[in-house]
């Protein structure tokens, strides 16, 4: 099985170490919905590389003095921006046409 950045592989203790946080802080962030690790057997949390990166981003924002409510809003806005960019890319691909359009500058529209 090949893993990628979204595959949950890190236990809470490893994720805490990788993100330089206390495991209790990770539990709190999970309760607040700032990070959503996978659950194994309904109990144990498993974190992905993407989760660890998000924890580092949360840590950076917190170190800059952003409150938890502010961090939630920043993360929501980043997610919304990503959705808009994806949608824009899709629209641009749909609008891209291979049709040939001829333009004659001497021909004028009649009023």
C-alpha atoms as a PDB file:
ATOM      1  CA  UNK A   1       0.000   0.000   0.000  1.00  0.00           C
ATOM      2  CA  UNK A   2       1.445   3.334  -1.097  1.00  0.00           C
ATOM      3  CA  UNK A   3       0.970   6.243   1.268  1.00  0.00           C
ATOM      4  CA  UNK A   4       0.563   9.890   0.423  1.00  0.00           C
ATOM      5  CA  UNK A   5       0.192  13.086   2.396  1.00  0.00           C
ATOM      6  CA  UNK A   6      -3.419  12.289   3.329  1.00  0.00           C
ATOM      7  CA  UNK A   7      -2.847   8.745   4.594  1.00  0.00           C
ATOM      8  CA  UNK A   8      -3.202   8.643   8.395  1.00  0.00           C
ATOM      9  CA  UNK A   9      -0.041   7.030   9.739  1.00  0.00           C
ATOM     10  CA  UNK A  10       1.109   8.970  12.826  1.00  0.00           C
ATOM     11  CA  UNK A  11      -0.113   8.286  16.349  1.00  0.00           C
ATOM     12  CA  UNK A  12      -0.892  11.278  18.517  1.00  0.00           C
ATOM     13  CA  UNK A  13       2.472  11.065  20.281  1.00  0.00           C
ATOM     14  CA  UNK A  14       4.389  11.065  16.981  1.00  0.00           C
ATOM     15  CA  UNK A  15       2.227  13.859  15.501  1.00  0.00           C
ATOM     16  CA  UNK A  16       2.763  15.895  18.670  1.00  0.00           C
ATOM     17  CA  UNK A  17       6.500  15.411  18.402  1.00  0.00           C
ATOM     18  CA  UNK A  18       6.562  16.274  14.677  1.00  0.00           C
ATOM     19  CA  UNK A  19       4.527  19.421  15.249  1.00  0.00           C
ATOM     20  CA  UNK A  20       6.386  20.328  18.457  1.00  0.00           C
ATOM     21  CA  UNK A  21       3.187  20.366  20.516  1.00  0.00           C
ATOM     22  CA  UNK A  22       1.853  18.550  23.549  1.00  0.00           C
ATOM     23  CA  UNK A  23      -0.569  15.673  22.815  1.00  0.00           C
ATOM     24  CA  UNK A  24      -3.226  17.414  24.928  1.00  0.00           C
ATOM     25  CA  UNK A  25      -2.997  20.416  22.597  1.00  0.00           C
ATOM     26  CA  UNK A  26      -3.681  18.121  19.636  1.00  0.00           C
ATOM     27  CA  UNK A  27      -6.722  16.722  21.453  1.00  0.00           C
ATOM     28  CA  UNK A  28      -7.989  20.260  22.053  1.00  0.00           C
ATOM     29  CA  UNK A  29      -7.500  21.189  18.390  1.00  0.00           C
ATOM     30  CA  UNK A  30      -9.393  18.031  17.418  1.00  0.00           C
ATOM     31  CA  UNK A  31     -12.297  19.006  19.699  1.00  0.00           C
ATOM     32  CA  UNK A  32     -12.333  22.499  18.147  1.00  0.00           C
ATOM     33  CA  UNK A  33     -12.247  21.069  14.624  1.00  0.00           C
ATOM     34  CA  UNK A  34      -8.959  22.735  13.713  1.00  0.00           C
ATOM     35  CA  UNK A  35      -7.578  19.353  12.713  1.00  0.00           C
ATOM     36  CA  UNK A  36      -9.533  16.158  12.092  1.00  0.00           C
ATOM     37  CA  UNK A  37      -7.430  13.015  12.513  1.00  0.00           C
ATOM     38  CA  UNK A  38      -8.767   9.608  11.528  1.00  0.00           C
ATOM     39  CA  UNK A  39     -10.035   7.357  14.301  1.00  0.00           C
ATOM     40  CA  UNK A  40      -8.908   3.756  14.617  1.00  0.00           C
ATOM     41  CA  UNK A  41     -11.195   1.433  16.555  1.00  0.00           C
ATOM     42  CA  UNK A  42     -13.292   4.485  17.408  1.00  0.00           C
ATOM     43  CA  UNK A  43     -10.682   5.757  19.847  1.00  0.00           C
ATOM     44  CA  UNK A  44      -7.105   6.161  18.738  1.00  0.00           C
ATOM     45  CA  UNK A  45      -6.273   9.140  16.554  1.00  0.00           C
ATOM     46  CA  UNK A  46      -4.072   8.761  13.491  1.00  0.00           C
ATOM     47  CA  UNK A  47      -2.647  11.845  11.797  1.00  0.00           C
ATOM     48  CA  UNK A  48      -1.522  12.277   8.191  1.00  0.00           C
ATOM     49  CA  UNK A  49       1.400  14.344   6.917  1.00  0.00           C
ATOM     50  CA  UNK A  50      -1.174  16.963   5.859  1.00  0.00           C
ATOM     51  CA  UNK A  51      -2.559  17.022   9.424  1.00  0.00           C
ATOM     52  CA  UNK A  52       0.948  17.566  10.806  1.00  0.00           C
ATOM     53  CA  UNK A  53       1.512  20.413   8.328  1.00  0.00           C
ATOM     54  CA  UNK A  54      -1.779  21.974   9.429  1.00  0.00           C
ATOM     55  CA  UNK A  55      -0.708  21.669  13.078  1.00  0.00           C
ATOM     56  CA  UNK A  56       2.505  23.518  12.230  1.00  0.00           C
ATOM     57  CA  UNK A  57       0.491  26.241  10.513  1.00  0.00           C
ATOM     58  CA  UNK A  58      -1.735  26.525  13.596  1.00  0.00           C
ATOM     59  CA  UNK A  59       1.365  26.744  15.770  1.00  0.00           C
ATOM     60  CA  UNK A  60       2.818  29.514  13.601  1.00  0.00           C
ATOM     61  CA  UNK A  61      -0.416  31.513  13.699  1.00  0.00           C
ATOM     62  CA  UNK A  62      -0.656  31.053  17.457  1.00  0.00           C
ATOM     63  CA  UNK A  63       2.944  32.215  17.886  1.00  0.00           C
ATOM     64  CA  UNK A  64       2.031  35.359  15.923  1.00  0.00           C
ATOM     65  CA  UNK A  65      -0.673  36.086  18.503  1.00  0.00           C
ATOM     66  CA  UNK A  66      -3.721  34.928  16.539  1.00  0.00           C
ATOM     67  CA  UNK A  67      -6.487  33.604  18.817  1.00  0.00           C
ATOM     68  CA  UNK A  68      -8.023  30.162  18.311  1.00  0.00           C
ATOM     69  CA  UNK A  69     -11.157  31.777  16.883  1.00  0.00           C
ATOM     70  CA  UNK A  70      -8.951  33.776  14.523  1.00  0.00           C
ATOM     71  CA  UNK A  71      -7.068  30.619  13.534  1.00  0.00           C
ATOM     72  CA  UNK A  72     -10.376  28.885  12.779  1.00  0.00           C
ATOM     73  CA  UNK A  73     -11.365  31.793  10.531  1.00  0.00           C
ATOM     74  CA  UNK A  74      -7.995  31.861   8.744  1.00  0.00           C
ATOM     75  CA  UNK A  75      -8.238  28.121   8.051  1.00  0.00           C
ATOM     76  CA  UNK A  76     -11.835  28.492   6.814  1.00  0.00           C
ATOM     77  CA  UNK A  77     -10.825  31.308   4.477  1.00  0.00           C
ATOM     78  CA  UNK A  78      -7.858  29.315   3.152  1.00  0.00           C
ATOM     79  CA  UNK A  79     -10.156  26.361   2.439  1.00  0.00           C
ATOM     80  CA  UNK A  80     -12.676  28.636   0.703  1.00  0.00           C
ATOM     81  CA  UNK A  81      -9.921  30.210  -1.379  1.00  0.00           C
ATOM     82  CA  UNK A  82      -8.758  26.747  -2.461  1.00  0.00           C
ATOM     83  CA  UNK A  83     -12.332  25.800  -3.451  1.00  0.00           C
ATOM     84  CA  UNK A  84     -12.673  29.013  -5.487  1.00  0.00           C
ATOM     85  CA  UNK A  85      -9.332  28.423  -7.226  1.00  0.00           C
ATOM     86  CA  UNK A  86     -10.324  24.862  -8.094  1.00  0.00           C
ATOM     87  CA  UNK A  87     -13.689  26.046  -9.426  1.00  0.00           C
ATOM     88  CA  UNK A  88     -12.018  28.799 -11.469  1.00  0.00           C
ATOM     89  CA  UNK A  89      -9.598  26.285 -12.972  1.00  0.00           C
ATOM     90  CA  UNK A  90     -12.542  24.070 -13.944  1.00  0.00           C
ATOM     91  CA  UNK A  91     -14.378  27.000 -15.527  1.00  0.00           C
ATOM     92  CA  UNK A  92     -11.305  28.073 -17.468  1.00  0.00           C
ATOM     93  CA  UNK A  93     -10.842  24.555 -18.819  1.00  0.00           C
ATOM     94  CA  UNK A  94     -14.498  24.458 -19.902  1.00  0.00           C
ATOM     95  CA  UNK A  95     -14.273  27.857 -21.603  1.00  0.00           C
ATOM     96  CA  UNK A  96     -11.121  26.920 -23.478  1.00  0.00           C
ATOM     97  CA  UNK A  97     -12.161  26.236 -27.027  1.00  0.00           C
ATOM     98  CA  UNK A  98     -10.271  24.952 -30.014  1.00  0.00           C
ATOM     99  CA  UNK A  99     -12.721  26.647 -32.393  1.00  0.00           C
ATOM    100  CA  UNK A 100     -11.195  28.991 -34.938  1.00  0.00           C
ATOM    101  CA  UNK A 101     -12.618  32.501 -34.903  1.00  0.00           C
ATOM    102  CA  UNK A 102     -11.950  34.706 -37.888  1.00  0.00           C
ATOM    103  CA  UNK A 103     -11.893  38.433 -37.524  1.00  0.00           C
ATOM    104  CA  UNK A 104     -11.873  40.828 -40.419  1.00  0.00           C
ATOM    105  CA  UNK A 105     -10.974  44.346 -39.313  1.00  0.00           C
ATOM    106  CA  UNK A 106     -12.341  45.848 -42.560  1.00  0.00           C
ATOM    107  CA  UNK A 107     -15.803  44.449 -42.053  1.00  0.00           C
ATOM    108  CA  UNK A 108     -17.955  46.728 -39.932  1.00  0.00           C
ATOM    109  CA  UNK A 109     -21.173  46.077 -38.136  1.00  0.00           C
ATOM    110  CA  UNK A 110     -24.207  47.738 -39.658  1.00  0.00           C
ATOM    111  CA  UNK A 111     -26.358  49.848 -37.402  1.00  0.00           C
END
